[in-house]
Amino acid sequence: MKLDLQLYRGYLNEQELVVSGHVFKSWAPDKYSIEKKGVKHAFSILHMFTISPLENIEITLQFYGTTVKTKTLEDGFFRFTIPFSETLKNGWHPYKITCAVGDIGIVETGEILKPFESKFGIISDIDDTFLISHSSNIFKKLYVMLSKNVNKRKVFDDVVDHYQALSIAGQDTDEASNSFFYVSSSEWNLYAFIDEFARLHNLPKAVIKLKSIKTKLTDFLKSGRGDHDHKFQKIKDIISFYPNLTYVLLGDDSQQDPYLYERICKIFPENIRAVYIRQTPKKPKGEVQEVLTNIETLSVRTLYFKDSHRAIEHSKEIGIIS
């Protein structure tokens, strides 16, 4: 049996660190590539949803003199949430994960973020917020996923400029940046695809939070759909982990973002500076504007926008970016 180990970017504050990943039986490397084209690409995407997670596998984390062991959960997921108070410089730091089944072992290296001293934390959805995905039309969404590899997928005009401006907002040096978190209803199966897409388009490097991993081909047909409450919980966890930051939330109107962000603003009335919702249909949705109007009563600035250049102008108008 072969093993495959998928690591996700971790993060830490002054008291605690969080690292997570998955362990599963390895797929053949020639079947999985986000750069393949045509039918080969379609099979690669489908293969992402036919993996076999491994339960109760021992995992060892090594990070700056700290060595801790845990075991995978039923879906192959593992998470270390451990005390950590060592003084580190701001930025990204490497960590190492080791796992073994019998005589088979594997070692991988991931990254942990210690945020720079900053004014803002940026939390963004992915599908139809910066990645054009057609989430409101499931058949079109699936067609695009199966027919276009990562090099052919598109971002919205000016969205990269907006995100890069938010990344440096309020920073005094070129080396520092605000912390980004991409939180989506896409499944962990698509992590490598999303990470590569963000890198190709020069979007800010981010901690990525996704939905529980899927293991059946039929799950692909429901990708990104269903209950979105996990997004609410993950966003709540991020803000609770870094309570001294002021946050900018970015999403779209194709699913539940406006309503999730309204709940977040009510729970953290002092932490949210602005909420941005992208308009995906031709006409704005009246119920979305009503939600944003209510959010404004909590002293949170909002914008329901079609084009990212308008979001950039708004961020300048309210003093987030210069």
Foldseek 3Di string as FASTA:
>chain_A
DAKDKAWFEKEAEQWKIKTKTFMFHDDPPQQADLPDADQSNLSNLLVLQATGTDWFWKKWKDDPNDIDIDTAHPRRMDMDIDTDRDDDDFDKDKMKMKTDDVVDIDIDIHIYGYADPFAEEEEEEDDPQFWPQPLLDLVSNSCCSNHDGLVRTGTAPCPQVLQVLLQCFPPDDPVHGHAYEYEAAAEPSCVVSVQVSCVVVVGDDHRYHYDHRHNDSVVSSQGRDDDPVVSLVVVVVVCVSVVNHAYEYTEEDSDCVLVSVLVVCVVNLPRYAEYEYEYDDPDRDPVSVVSQVVSVVSVHHYDYYHHCVVVSVVCVVSRRGD
